[in-house]
Amino acid sequence: MYSCLYVFSRADLLQQHEPQCVVHPSQMVKYPDECTVKFRARKKQHRIPFYLVCDFECFLKPADDDDDDDDDDVTITNVVDRHKVCGFACYRVTEYEQYQTDPTVYSGDDVMTSFFEHVMCENREISKIVGKEVPMLPMTDGERALYDAAKHCHNCGVEFTQTRQLRKCRHHDHISGRFLFTTCNRCNLQLKMTATRRRRQDDDDDNNDDNEEDG
């Protein structure tokens, strides 16, 4: 009788394993009586305001034995061709029309350097947009009615109370300023986009301001 659930492709491997296996008790999978795993990262269930879609183009270049970095005498695979990056395309995806841009297409020398430079440029631009923290616009009658009628947090489902964490709040889009939904104060703080050190440094460089921003 075997104590494990290992699978062997050859009989000799099984015979070598038997002496080590029989000295241990049988394995048993034991599940918890109650579910203890819960989804808590509710911020990640909402769409992000910006993301980049990238695609690379490559051509096959015959492999040179001198390019092989494998120091082993015996290799499992025989490399015939290698992918040589010859260009890329990058597109900024966002629902905000004022921040939509045309796709960037590049083909030429030093493709990866140009790609990383473009991605870092996009990072700086998007960080500035996200860091503006646009205040909430006046609510419409319909939005006001939804807010007044809400009894539970739209994000986590908890019932509103008068406590600091669970009091009713207005969650709004910090880029457009429009009202989104009603949340508890705890979720409202968690859903707020956080400023990054890189964004603060970029703003300081652009404004030639040596004052350090409090975070």
N, C-alpha and C. Protein backbone atom coordinates (compact mmCIF):
# COMPACT_ATOMS: atom_id res chain seq x y z
N MET A 1 0.86 -1.19 0.00
CA MET A 1 0.00 0.00 0.00
C MET A 1 0.89 1.24 0.00
N TYR A 2 0.56 2.16 -0.87
CA TYR A 2 1.36 3.37 -1.01
C TYR A 2 0.76 4.50 -0.16
N SER A 3 1.63 5.40 0.25
CA SER A 3 1.19 6.48 1.13
C SER A 3 1.02 7.82 0.41
N CYS A 4 1.44 7.89 -0.85
CA CYS A 4 1.36 9.16 -1.56
C CYS A 4 0.52 9.02 -2.83
N LEU A 5 0.39 10.11 -3.53
CA LEU A 5 -0.41 10.14 -4.76
C LEU A 5 0.45 10.46 -5.98
N TYR A 6 1.74 10.22 -5.89
CA TYR A 6 2.63 10.52 -7.00
C TYR A 6 2.38 9.55 -8.16
N VAL A 7 2.60 10.04 -9.36
CA VAL A 7 2.43 9.25 -10.57
C VAL A 7 3.81 9.04 -11.20
N PHE A 8 4.08 7.81 -11.61
CA PHE A 8 5.37 7.48 -12.20
C PHE A 8 5.17 6.95 -13.61
N SER A 9 6.07 7.34 -14.50
CA SER A 9 5.96 6.94 -15.90
C SER A 9 6.63 5.60 -16.19
N ARG A 10 7.48 5.14 -15.24
CA ARG A 10 8.18 3.88 -15.46
C ARG A 10 8.15 3.04 -14.20
N ALA A 11 8.20 1.73 -14.39
CA ALA A 11 8.11 0.81 -13.25
C ALA A 11 9.33 0.90 -12.37
N ASP A 12 10.50 1.13 -12.97
CA ASP A 12 11.71 1.19 -12.16
C ASP A 12 11.71 2.40 -11.22
N LEU A 13 11.11 3.51 -11.67
CA LEU A 13 11.02 4.68 -10.81
C LEU A 13 10.08 4.42 -9.63
N LEU A 14 9.01 3.69 -9.89
CA LEU A 14 8.09 3.33 -8.81
C LEU A 14 8.77 2.42 -7.80
N GLN A 15 9.56 1.48 -8.26
CA GLN A 15 10.25 0.56 -7.36
C GLN A 15 11.28 1.30 -6.51
N GLN A 16 11.94 2.29 -7.07
CA GLN A 16 12.90 3.08 -6.29
C GLN A 16 12.20 3.91 -5.23
N HIS A 17 10.97 4.30 -5.51
CA HIS A 17 10.23 5.18 -4.59
C HIS A 17 9.58 4.40 -3.44
N GLU A 18 9.25 3.14 -3.66
CA GLU A 18 8.50 2.37 -2.68
C GLU A 18 9.13 2.34 -1.29
N PRO A 19 10.43 2.10 -1.15
CA PRO A 19 11.00 2.03 0.22
C PRO A 19 10.86 3.34 1.00
N GLN A 20 10.89 4.45 0.32
CA GLN A 20 10.76 5.74 1.00
C GLN A 20 9.29 6.07 1.28
N CYS A 21 8.41 5.51 0.49
CA CYS A 21 7.00 5.87 0.61
C CYS A 21 6.30 5.13 1.75
N VAL A 22 6.62 3.86 1.92
CA VAL A 22 5.88 3.04 2.88
C VAL A 22 6.19 3.41 4.33
N VAL A 23 7.27 4.15 4.58
CA VAL A 23 7.61 4.51 5.97
C VAL A 23 6.80 5.70 6.46
N HIS A 24 6.03 6.33 5.59
CA HIS A 24 5.23 7.49 5.97
C HIS A 24 3.75 7.13 6.00
N PRO A 25 2.98 7.78 6.85
CA PRO A 25 1.54 7.53 6.87
C PRO A 25 0.87 8.03 5.59
N SER A 26 -0.31 7.54 5.34
CA SER A 26 -1.03 7.91 4.12
C SER A 26 -1.38 9.40 4.12
N GLN A 27 -1.35 9.96 2.93
CA GLN A 27 -1.72 11.37 2.78
C GLN A 27 -3.24 11.51 2.79
N MET A 28 -3.69 12.63 3.35
CA MET A 28 -5.12 12.90 3.37
C MET A 28 -5.33 14.41 3.22
N VAL A 29 -6.21 14.77 2.33
CA VAL A 29 -6.54 16.18 2.15
C VAL A 29 -7.64 16.55 3.13
N LYS A 30 -7.38 17.55 3.95
CA LYS A 30 -8.35 17.99 4.94
C LYS A 30 -8.72 19.44 4.68
N TYR A 31 -9.99 19.68 4.46
CA TYR A 31 -10.49 21.03 4.19
C TYR A 31 -11.04 21.65 5.48
N PRO A 32 -10.99 22.97 5.58
CA PRO A 32 -11.54 23.62 6.79
C PRO A 32 -13.04 23.43 6.89
N ASP A 33 -13.52 23.37 8.13
CA ASP A 33 -14.96 23.19 8.35
C ASP A 33 -15.76 24.39 7.86
N GLU A 34 -15.18 25.59 7.98
CA GLU A 34 -15.86 26.80 7.53
C GLU A 34 -14.96 27.53 6.53
N CYS A 35 -15.59 28.24 5.63
CA CYS A 35 -14.85 29.00 4.62
C CYS A 35 -14.15 30.17 5.30
N THR A 36 -12.85 30.25 5.11
CA THR A 36 -12.07 31.32 5.74
C THR A 36 -11.46 32.29 4.72
N VAL A 37 -11.63 32.00 3.44
CA VAL A 37 -11.07 32.85 2.40
C VAL A 37 -12.15 33.83 1.92
N LYS A 38 -11.85 35.10 1.99
CA LYS A 38 -12.81 36.12 1.57
C LYS A 38 -12.14 37.13 0.65
N PHE A 39 -12.90 37.62 -0.30
CA PHE A 39 -12.39 38.65 -1.20
C PHE A 39 -12.50 39.99 -0.50
N ARG A 40 -11.36 40.66 -0.33
CA ARG A 40 -11.33 41.93 0.38
C ARG A 40 -10.85 43.08 -0.49
N ALA A 41 -10.19 42.79 -1.57
CA ALA A 41 -9.64 43.86 -2.43
C ALA A 41 -10.73 44.39 -3.35
N ARG A 42 -11.75 45.01 -2.76
CA ARG A 42 -12.89 45.48 -3.54
C ARG A 42 -12.53 46.60 -4.51
N LYS A 43 -11.43 47.27 -4.23
CA LYS A 43 -10.99 48.32 -5.15
C LYS A 43 -10.66 47.75 -6.52
N LYS A 44 -10.24 46.49 -6.55
CA LYS A 44 -9.82 45.88 -7.81
C LYS A 44 -10.99 45.39 -8.66
N GLN A 45 -12.22 45.47 -8.16
CA GLN A 45 -13.36 45.04 -8.95
C GLN A 45 -13.91 46.16 -9.83
N HIS A 46 -13.35 47.36 -9.70
CA HIS A 46 -13.77 48.49 -10.53
C HIS A 46 -12.77 48.71 -11.66
N ARG A 47 -13.25 49.28 -12.73
CA ARG A 47 -12.39 49.53 -13.88
C ARG A 47 -11.34 50.59 -13.54
N ILE A 48 -10.14 50.39 -14.05
CA ILE A 48 -9.10 51.40 -13.89
C ILE A 48 -9.28 52.46 -14.96
N PRO A 49 -8.93 53.72 -14.69
CA PRO A 49 -9.20 54.80 -15.63
C PRO A 49 -8.32 54.78 -16.87
N PHE A 50 -7.12 54.22 -16.76
CA PHE A 50 -6.19 54.18 -17.89
C PHE A 50 -5.46 52.84 -17.92
N TYR A 51 -5.20 52.37 -19.11
CA TYR A 51 -4.28 51.26 -19.28
C TYR A 51 -3.74 51.27 -20.70
N LEU A 52 -2.60 50.63 -20.89
CA LEU A 52 -1.92 50.61 -22.18
C LEU A 52 -2.03 49.23 -22.81
N VAL A 53 -2.34 49.21 -24.09
CA VAL A 53 -2.36 47.98 -24.87
C VAL A 53 -1.18 48.03 -25.84
N CYS A 54 -0.29 47.05 -25.74
CA CYS A 54 0.94 47.07 -26.53
C CYS A 54 1.06 45.79 -27.35
N ASP A 55 1.70 45.92 -28.49
CA ASP A 55 1.92 44.78 -29.37
C ASP A 55 3.29 44.94 -30.03
N PHE A 56 4.03 43.83 -30.13
CA PHE A 56 5.35 43.85 -30.74
C PHE A 56 5.34 43.05 -32.04
N GLU A 57 6.16 43.49 -32.96
CA GLU A 57 6.39 42.76 -34.20
C GLU A 57 7.82 42.25 -34.21
N CYS A 58 7.99 40.99 -34.63
CA CYS A 58 9.31 40.37 -34.65
C CYS A 58 9.52 39.62 -35.97
N PHE A 59 10.75 39.40 -36.29
CA PHE A 59 11.07 38.50 -37.39
C PHE A 59 12.06 37.46 -36.86
N LEU A 60 12.10 36.32 -37.53
CA LEU A 60 12.96 35.23 -37.10
C LEU A 60 14.35 35.38 -37.70
N LYS A 61 15.32 35.29 -36.83
CA LYS A 61 16.72 35.37 -37.24
C LYS A 61 17.39 34.04 -36.92
N PRO A 62 18.08 33.46 -37.90
CA PRO A 62 18.75 32.18 -37.62
C PRO A 62 19.67 32.28 -36.41
N ALA A 63 19.57 31.30 -35.54
CA ALA A 63 20.36 31.32 -34.31
C ALA A 63 21.82 31.04 -34.61
N ASP A 64 22.68 31.73 -33.90
CA ASP A 64 24.12 31.54 -34.01
C ASP A 64 24.60 30.78 -32.79
N ASP A 65 25.43 29.78 -32.99
CA ASP A 65 25.91 28.99 -31.86
C ASP A 65 26.65 29.85 -30.84
N ASP A 66 27.26 30.94 -31.30
CA ASP A 66 27.99 31.81 -30.39
C ASP A 66 27.06 32.58 -29.46
N ASP A 67 25.76 32.70 -29.87
CA ASP A 67 24.79 33.44 -29.06
C ASP A 67 24.19 32.59 -27.96
N ASP A 68 24.50 31.32 -27.94
CA ASP A 68 23.92 30.41 -26.96
C ASP A 68 24.58 30.63 -25.61
N ASP A 69 23.79 31.07 -24.64
CA ASP A 69 24.31 31.36 -23.30
C ASP A 69 24.30 30.14 -22.39
N ASP A 70 23.83 28.99 -22.89
CA ASP A 70 23.74 27.79 -22.07
C ASP A 70 25.12 27.17 -21.94
N ASP A 71 25.60 27.06 -20.72
CA ASP A 71 26.93 26.52 -20.47
C ASP A 71 26.94 25.01 -20.34
N ASP A 72 25.75 24.40 -20.32
CA ASP A 72 25.70 22.95 -20.16
C ASP A 72 26.20 22.26 -21.43
N ASP A 73 26.83 21.11 -21.22
CA ASP A 73 27.34 20.35 -22.36
C ASP A 73 26.20 19.75 -23.18
N VAL A 74 25.11 19.41 -22.49
CA VAL A 74 23.97 18.79 -23.16
C VAL A 74 22.75 19.68 -22.97
N THR A 75 22.09 20.02 -24.05
CA THR A 75 20.88 20.82 -24.00
C THR A 75 19.70 19.99 -24.45
N ILE A 76 18.56 20.27 -23.86
CA ILE A 76 17.36 19.51 -24.19
C ILE A 76 16.79 19.95 -25.53
N THR A 77 16.83 21.26 -25.82
CA THR A 77 16.27 21.80 -27.05
C THR A 77 17.37 22.33 -27.95
N ASN A 78 17.07 22.34 -29.22
CA ASN A 78 17.98 22.85 -30.22
C ASN A 78 17.41 24.13 -30.78
N VAL A 79 18.03 25.27 -30.48
CA VAL A 79 17.53 26.56 -30.93
C VAL A 79 17.87 26.75 -32.39
N VAL A 80 16.85 26.94 -33.22
CA VAL A 80 17.04 27.12 -34.65
C VAL A 80 16.96 28.59 -35.03
N ASP A 81 15.93 29.28 -34.52
CA ASP A 81 15.73 30.70 -34.82
C ASP A 81 15.51 31.47 -33.53
N ARG A 82 15.79 32.75 -33.59
CA ARG A 82 15.53 33.66 -32.47
C ARG A 82 14.64 34.80 -32.94
N HIS A 83 13.77 35.28 -32.03
CA HIS A 83 12.90 36.40 -32.34
C HIS A 83 13.67 37.72 -32.22
N LYS A 84 13.65 38.49 -33.25
CA LYS A 84 14.29 39.81 -33.28
C LYS A 84 13.20 40.87 -33.34
N VAL A 85 13.08 41.67 -32.27
CA VAL A 85 12.03 42.70 -32.23
C VAL A 85 12.34 43.79 -33.24
N CYS A 86 11.35 44.09 -34.09
CA CYS A 86 11.55 45.10 -35.13
C CYS A 86 10.62 46.29 -35.01
N GLY A 87 9.63 46.24 -34.11
CA GLY A 87 8.72 47.37 -33.96
C GLY A 87 7.68 47.12 -32.89
N PHE A 88 6.97 48.17 -32.52
CA PHE A 88 5.90 48.04 -31.52
C PHE A 88 4.80 49.05 -31.79
N ALA A 89 3.65 48.77 -31.22
CA ALA A 89 2.52 49.69 -31.23
C ALA A 89 1.98 49.77 -29.81
N CYS A 90 1.63 50.98 -29.38
CA CYS A 90 1.13 51.19 -28.03
C CYS A 90 -0.07 52.13 -28.09
N TYR A 91 -1.15 51.75 -27.41
CA TYR A 91 -2.38 52.53 -27.45
C TYR A 91 -2.89 52.76 -26.04
N ARG A 92 -3.16 54.01 -25.71
CA ARG A 92 -3.71 54.37 -24.41
C ARG A 92 -5.23 54.20 -24.44
N VAL A 93 -5.76 53.37 -23.55
CA VAL A 93 -7.19 53.09 -23.49
C VAL A 93 -7.79 53.80 -22.29
N THR A 94 -8.80 54.61 -22.54
CA THR A 94 -9.50 55.34 -21.48
C THR A 94 -10.86 55.76 -21.99
N GLU A 95 -11.81 55.90 -21.08
CA GLU A 95 -13.14 56.33 -21.46
C GLU A 95 -13.26 57.86 -21.51
N TYR A 96 -12.23 58.56 -21.07
CA TYR A 96 -12.26 60.03 -21.06
C TYR A 96 -11.77 60.54 -22.42
N GLU A 97 -12.67 61.10 -23.20
CA GLU A 97 -12.34 61.50 -24.57
C GLU A 97 -11.24 62.55 -24.61
N GLN A 98 -11.18 63.45 -23.64
CA GLN A 98 -10.19 64.52 -23.68
C GLN A 98 -8.78 63.99 -23.47
N TYR A 99 -8.64 62.76 -22.97
CA TYR A 99 -7.33 62.19 -22.72
C TYR A 99 -7.00 61.03 -23.67
N GLN A 100 -7.84 60.79 -24.65
CA GLN A 100 -7.57 59.75 -25.62
C GLN A 100 -6.55 60.25 -26.65
N THR A 101 -5.62 59.39 -27.04
CA THR A 101 -4.57 59.74 -27.98
C THR A 101 -4.53 58.71 -29.12
N ASP A 102 -3.87 59.08 -30.20
CA ASP A 102 -3.69 58.15 -31.31
C ASP A 102 -2.67 57.09 -30.93
N PRO A 103 -2.77 55.91 -31.52
CA PRO A 103 -1.77 54.86 -31.24
C PRO A 103 -0.37 55.30 -31.65
N THR A 104 0.60 54.91 -30.87
CA THR A 104 2.00 55.17 -31.18
C THR A 104 2.59 53.94 -31.86
N VAL A 105 3.14 54.13 -33.05
CA VAL A 105 3.71 53.03 -33.82
C VAL A 105 5.18 53.36 -34.10
N TYR A 106 6.05 52.41 -33.83
CA TYR A 106 7.49 52.64 -34.05
C TYR A 106 8.09 51.41 -34.70
N SER A 107 8.97 51.66 -35.67
CA SER A 107 9.73 50.61 -36.33
C SER A 107 11.09 51.18 -36.68
N GLY A 108 12.13 50.54 -36.23
CA GLY A 108 13.47 51.05 -36.50
C GLY A 108 14.49 50.43 -35.56
N ASP A 109 15.54 51.18 -35.32
CA ASP A 109 16.63 50.70 -34.48
C ASP A 109 16.30 50.84 -33.00
N ASP A 110 16.90 49.99 -32.18
CA ASP A 110 16.78 50.06 -30.72
C ASP A 110 15.32 50.15 -30.29
N VAL A 111 14.55 49.17 -30.69
CA VAL A 111 13.10 49.18 -30.46
C VAL A 111 12.76 49.19 -28.97
N MET A 112 13.43 48.35 -28.18
CA MET A 112 13.06 48.23 -26.78
C MET A 112 13.36 49.51 -26.00
N THR A 113 14.45 50.19 -26.35
CA THR A 113 14.74 51.46 -25.69
C THR A 113 13.65 52.48 -25.99
N SER A 114 13.23 52.55 -27.24
CA SER A 114 12.15 53.47 -27.62
C SER A 114 10.84 53.08 -26.94
N PHE A 115 10.61 51.79 -26.79
CA PHE A 115 9.38 51.34 -26.14
C PHE A 115 9.35 51.75 -24.67
N PHE A 116 10.43 51.50 -23.95
CA PHE A 116 10.47 51.85 -22.52
C PHE A 116 10.40 53.37 -22.33
N GLU A 117 11.02 54.13 -23.20
CA GLU A 117 10.93 55.59 -23.12
C GLU A 117 9.49 56.05 -23.32
N HIS A 118 8.79 55.44 -24.26
CA HIS A 118 7.39 55.81 -24.49
C HIS A 118 6.50 55.43 -23.30
N VAL A 119 6.72 54.23 -22.76
CA VAL A 119 5.91 53.79 -21.62
C VAL A 119 6.13 54.70 -20.41
N MET A 120 7.36 55.09 -20.15
CA MET A 120 7.63 55.99 -19.03
C MET A 120 7.04 57.37 -19.27
N CYS A 121 7.02 57.81 -20.52
CA CYS A 121 6.37 59.08 -20.84
C CYS A 121 4.87 59.00 -20.59
N GLU A 122 4.25 57.89 -20.99
CA GLU A 122 2.83 57.68 -20.71
C GLU A 122 2.58 57.64 -19.21
N ASN A 123 3.47 57.02 -18.48
CA ASN A 123 3.34 56.95 -17.02
C ASN A 123 3.32 58.34 -16.39
N ARG A 124 4.20 59.19 -16.86
CA ARG A 124 4.25 60.55 -16.31
C ARG A 124 2.98 61.33 -16.65
N GLU A 125 2.52 61.20 -17.89
CA GLU A 125 1.33 61.94 -18.31
C GLU A 125 0.08 61.46 -17.56
N ILE A 126 -0.07 60.15 -17.45
CA ILE A 126 -1.24 59.60 -16.77
C ILE A 126 -1.20 59.93 -15.28
N SER A 127 -0.02 59.89 -14.68
CA SER A 127 0.11 60.23 -13.26
C SER A 127 -0.31 61.67 -13.00
N LYS A 128 0.01 62.58 -13.91
CA LYS A 128 -0.41 63.97 -13.75
C LYS A 128 -1.92 64.11 -13.84
N ILE A 129 -2.53 63.35 -14.77
CA ILE A 129 -3.99 63.41 -14.91
C ILE A 129 -4.68 62.88 -13.66
N VAL A 130 -4.22 61.72 -13.20
CA VAL A 130 -4.83 61.10 -12.01
C VAL A 130 -4.59 61.93 -10.76
N GLY A 131 -3.47 62.65 -10.71
CA GLY A 131 -3.12 63.42 -9.52
C GLY A 131 -3.82 64.75 -9.40
N LYS A 132 -4.65 65.13 -10.36
CA LYS A 132 -5.31 66.44 -10.30
C LYS A 132 -6.39 66.50 -9.22
N GLU A 133 -7.03 65.35 -8.91
CA GLU A 133 -8.04 65.28 -7.85
C GLU A 133 -9.15 66.31 -8.10
N VAL A 134 -9.90 66.13 -9.19
CA VAL A 134 -11.00 67.04 -9.54
C VAL A 134 -12.11 66.92 -8.49
N PRO A 135 -12.57 68.03 -7.92
CA PRO A 135 -13.65 67.96 -6.92
C PRO A 135 -14.96 67.53 -7.56
N MET A 136 -15.88 67.05 -6.73
CA MET A 136 -17.14 66.54 -7.24
C MET A 136 -18.02 67.67 -7.78
N LEU A 137 -18.64 67.41 -8.93
CA LEU A 137 -19.56 68.36 -9.54
C LEU A 137 -20.88 68.35 -8.79
N PRO A 138 -21.71 69.39 -8.93
CA PRO A 138 -23.02 69.38 -8.29
C PRO A 138 -23.85 68.18 -8.74
N MET A 139 -24.52 67.55 -7.81
CA MET A 139 -25.30 66.36 -8.10
C MET A 139 -26.59 66.73 -8.81
N THR A 140 -27.01 65.87 -9.73
CA THR A 140 -28.30 66.06 -10.39
C THR A 140 -29.42 65.61 -9.46
N ASP A 141 -30.66 65.88 -9.84
CA ASP A 141 -31.79 65.45 -9.01
C ASP A 141 -31.84 63.94 -8.89
N GLY A 142 -31.54 63.25 -9.99
CA GLY A 142 -31.55 61.80 -9.96
C GLY A 142 -30.46 61.24 -9.07
N GLU A 143 -29.27 61.82 -9.13
CA GLU A 143 -28.17 61.38 -8.29
C GLU A 143 -28.46 61.65 -6.82
N ARG A 144 -29.06 62.80 -6.55
CA ARG A 144 -29.43 63.13 -5.18
C ARG A 144 -30.45 62.15 -4.64
N ALA A 145 -31.41 61.73 -5.47
CA ALA A 145 -32.43 60.78 -5.03
C ALA A 145 -31.80 59.42 -4.73
N LEU A 146 -30.86 58.99 -5.57
CA LEU A 146 -30.18 57.72 -5.33
C LEU A 146 -29.37 57.76 -4.03
N TYR A 147 -28.72 58.88 -3.79
CA TYR A 147 -27.92 59.03 -2.58
C TYR A 147 -28.81 59.01 -1.34
N ASP A 148 -29.91 59.74 -1.37
CA ASP A 148 -30.80 59.81 -0.20
C ASP A 148 -31.46 58.46 0.09
N ALA A 149 -31.74 57.68 -0.96
CA ALA A 149 -32.44 56.42 -0.77
C ALA A 149 -31.50 55.27 -0.37
N ALA A 150 -30.21 55.45 -0.54
CA ALA A 150 -29.26 54.38 -0.25
C ALA A 150 -29.20 54.07 1.24
N LYS A 151 -29.32 52.80 1.58
CA LYS A 151 -29.21 52.33 2.96
C LYS A 151 -27.97 51.47 3.19
N HIS A 152 -27.40 50.99 2.10
CA HIS A 152 -26.23 50.12 2.18
C HIS A 152 -25.15 50.63 1.23
N CYS A 153 -23.92 50.31 1.56
CA CYS A 153 -22.78 50.71 0.73
C CYS A 153 -22.83 49.99 -0.61
N HIS A 154 -22.71 50.73 -1.69
CA HIS A 154 -22.74 50.14 -3.02
C HIS A 154 -21.52 49.26 -3.28
N ASN A 155 -20.45 49.48 -2.56
CA ASN A 155 -19.21 48.75 -2.81
C ASN A 155 -19.09 47.48 -1.99
N CYS A 156 -19.35 47.55 -0.70
CA CYS A 156 -19.18 46.38 0.17
C CYS A 156 -20.49 45.82 0.70
N GLY A 157 -21.59 46.57 0.57
CA GLY A 157 -22.89 46.07 1.00
C GLY A 157 -23.22 46.26 2.46
N VAL A 158 -22.34 46.86 3.25
CA VAL A 158 -22.59 47.05 4.67
C VAL A 158 -23.65 48.13 4.88
N GLU A 159 -24.41 47.99 5.94
CA GLU A 159 -25.44 48.98 6.24
C GLU A 159 -24.81 50.22 6.87
N PHE A 160 -25.28 51.38 6.45
CA PHE A 160 -24.73 52.63 6.96
C PHE A 160 -25.10 52.82 8.43
N THR A 161 -24.16 53.37 9.19
CA THR A 161 -24.38 53.74 10.58
C THR A 161 -23.81 55.13 10.80
N GLN A 162 -23.86 55.58 12.03
CA GLN A 162 -23.33 56.91 12.36
C GLN A 162 -21.86 56.86 12.77
N THR A 163 -21.27 55.68 12.73
CA THR A 163 -19.86 55.58 13.08
C THR A 163 -19.00 56.21 11.98
N ARG A 164 -17.77 56.49 12.32
CA ARG A 164 -16.89 57.18 11.38
C ARG A 164 -16.62 56.35 10.13
N GLN A 165 -16.38 55.06 10.29
CA GLN A 165 -16.03 54.22 9.16
C GLN A 165 -17.24 53.87 8.28
N LEU A 166 -18.40 53.76 8.88
CA LEU A 166 -19.57 53.28 8.14
C LEU A 166 -20.58 54.37 7.84
N ARG A 167 -20.23 55.62 8.02
CA ARG A 167 -21.18 56.68 7.67
C ARG A 167 -21.28 56.83 6.16
N LYS A 168 -22.40 57.37 5.70
CA LYS A 168 -22.68 57.48 4.27
C LYS A 168 -21.81 58.56 3.62
N CYS A 169 -21.26 58.23 2.44
CA CYS A 169 -20.41 59.17 1.70
C CYS A 169 -20.77 59.15 0.22
N ARG A 170 -20.38 60.22 -0.46
CA ARG A 170 -20.57 60.32 -1.91
C ARG A 170 -19.23 60.00 -2.58
N HIS A 171 -19.23 58.92 -3.33
CA HIS A 171 -18.01 58.56 -4.07
C HIS A 171 -18.11 59.11 -5.48
N HIS A 172 -17.08 59.87 -5.90
CA HIS A 172 -17.14 60.49 -7.22
C HIS A 172 -15.88 60.19 -8.02
N ASP A 173 -15.97 60.41 -9.30
CA ASP A 173 -14.84 60.22 -10.22
C ASP A 173 -13.88 61.38 -10.04
N HIS A 174 -12.66 61.09 -9.64
CA HIS A 174 -11.68 62.14 -9.37
C HIS A 174 -11.03 62.69 -10.63
N ILE A 175 -11.43 62.17 -11.79
CA ILE A 175 -10.93 62.69 -13.05
C ILE A 175 -11.97 63.56 -13.74
N SER A 176 -13.23 63.10 -13.78
CA SER A 176 -14.30 63.88 -14.41
C SER A 176 -15.08 64.72 -13.40
N GLY A 177 -15.08 64.30 -12.13
CA GLY A 177 -15.82 65.02 -11.11
C GLY A 177 -17.25 64.56 -10.93
N ARG A 178 -17.72 63.62 -11.72
CA ARG A 178 -19.13 63.22 -11.63
C ARG A 178 -19.35 62.23 -10.49
N PHE A 179 -20.56 62.26 -9.92
CA PHE A 179 -20.94 61.35 -8.84
C PHE A 179 -21.06 59.94 -9.40
N LEU A 180 -20.52 58.95 -8.66
CA LEU A 180 -20.56 57.56 -9.10
C LEU A 180 -21.59 56.75 -8.33
N PHE A 181 -21.42 56.62 -7.01
CA PHE A 181 -22.36 55.87 -6.19
C PHE A 181 -22.12 56.20 -4.74
N THR A 182 -22.98 55.67 -3.89
CA THR A 182 -22.92 55.93 -2.45
C THR A 182 -22.14 54.82 -1.77
N THR A 183 -21.19 55.21 -0.92
CA THR A 183 -20.36 54.24 -0.22
C THR A 183 -20.28 54.61 1.26
N CYS A 184 -19.75 53.67 2.02
CA CYS A 184 -19.39 53.99 3.40
C CYS A 184 -18.06 54.73 3.37
N ASN A 185 -17.73 55.39 4.45
CA ASN A 185 -16.51 56.17 4.50
C ASN A 185 -15.27 55.29 4.34
N ARG A 186 -15.32 54.07 4.84
CA ARG A 186 -14.18 53.15 4.72
C ARG A 186 -13.90 52.83 3.26
N CYS A 187 -14.93 52.50 2.50
CA CYS A 187 -14.75 52.18 1.08
C CYS A 187 -14.38 53.43 0.29
N ASN A 188 -14.95 54.55 0.67
CA ASN A 188 -14.65 55.80 -0.05
C ASN A 188 -13.16 56.12 0.01
N LEU A 189 -12.54 55.87 1.16
CA LEU A 189 -11.11 56.12 1.30
C LEU A 189 -10.28 55.07 0.55
N GLN A 190 -10.75 53.83 0.55
CA GLN A 190 -10.03 52.77 -0.14
C GLN A 190 -10.09 52.94 -1.66
N LEU A 191 -11.19 53.47 -2.17
CA LEU A 191 -11.35 53.63 -3.61
C LEU A 191 -10.65 54.87 -4.15
N LYS A 192 -10.22 55.73 -3.27
CA LYS A 192 -9.54 56.94 -3.71
C LYS A 192 -8.20 56.58 -4.32
N MET A 193 -7.90 57.17 -5.48
CA MET A 193 -6.62 56.92 -6.13
C MET A 193 -5.51 57.58 -5.33
N THR A 194 -4.47 56.80 -5.05
CA THR A 194 -3.37 57.28 -4.22
C THR A 194 -2.29 57.92 -5.07
N ALA A 195 -1.69 58.97 -4.56
CA ALA A 195 -0.59 59.64 -5.25
C ALA A 195 0.67 58.82 -5.09
N THR A 196 1.51 58.82 -6.09
CA THR A 196 2.76 58.08 -6.04
C THR A 196 3.92 59.04 -5.92
N ARG A 197 5.01 58.55 -5.39
CA ARG A 197 6.21 59.36 -5.24
C ARG A 197 6.72 59.83 -6.59
N ARG A 198 6.58 58.97 -7.62
CA ARG A 198 7.05 59.36 -8.94
C ARG A 198 6.25 60.55 -9.47
N ARG A 199 4.94 60.53 -9.24
CA ARG A 199 4.11 61.63 -9.72
C ARG A 199 4.47 62.93 -9.03
N ARG A 200 4.76 62.86 -7.73
CA ARG A 200 5.12 64.07 -7.00
C ARG A 200 6.46 64.61 -7.49
N GLN A 201 7.38 63.70 -7.77
CA GLN A 201 8.67 64.14 -8.25
C GLN A 201 8.56 64.76 -9.64
N ASP A 202 7.72 64.17 -10.49
CA ASP A 202 7.54 64.73 -11.83
C ASP A 202 6.92 66.11 -11.77
N ASP A 203 5.93 66.31 -10.89
CA ASP A 203 5.31 67.62 -10.76
C ASP A 203 6.31 68.66 -10.28
N ASP A 204 7.18 68.24 -9.34
CA ASP A 204 8.18 69.17 -8.83
C ASP A 204 9.17 69.56 -9.92
N ASP A 205 9.53 68.57 -10.76
CA ASP A 205 10.48 68.87 -11.84
C ASP A 205 9.87 69.82 -12.86
N ASP A 206 8.58 69.63 -13.18
CA ASP A 206 7.93 70.48 -14.17
C ASP A 206 7.74 71.90 -13.68
N ASN A 207 7.49 72.03 -12.40
CA ASN A 207 7.23 73.36 -11.85
C ASN A 207 8.48 74.04 -11.32
N ASN A 208 9.63 73.31 -11.38
CA ASN A 208 10.89 73.84 -10.84
C ASN A 208 10.72 74.30 -9.40
N ASP A 209 9.99 73.50 -8.66
CA ASP A 209 9.69 73.84 -7.27
C ASP A 209 10.44 72.87 -6.37
N ASP A 210 11.23 73.40 -5.46
CA ASP A 210 12.01 72.57 -4.56
C ASP A 210 11.27 72.19 -3.30
N ASN A 211 10.06 72.71 -3.13
CA ASN A 211 9.29 72.39 -1.92
C ASN A 211 8.79 70.97 -2.02
N GLU A 212 8.89 70.24 -0.92
CA GLU A 212 8.44 68.85 -0.88
C GLU A 212 6.95 68.84 -0.55
N GLU A 213 6.22 68.04 -1.32
CA GLU A 213 4.78 67.93 -1.12
C GLU A 213 4.48 66.94 -0.02
N ASP A 214 3.56 67.30 0.87
CA ASP A 214 3.15 66.39 1.93
C ASP A 214 2.20 65.36 1.34
N GLY A 215 2.28 64.11 1.79
CA GLY A 215 1.47 63.06 1.24
C GLY A 215 0.58 62.48 2.27
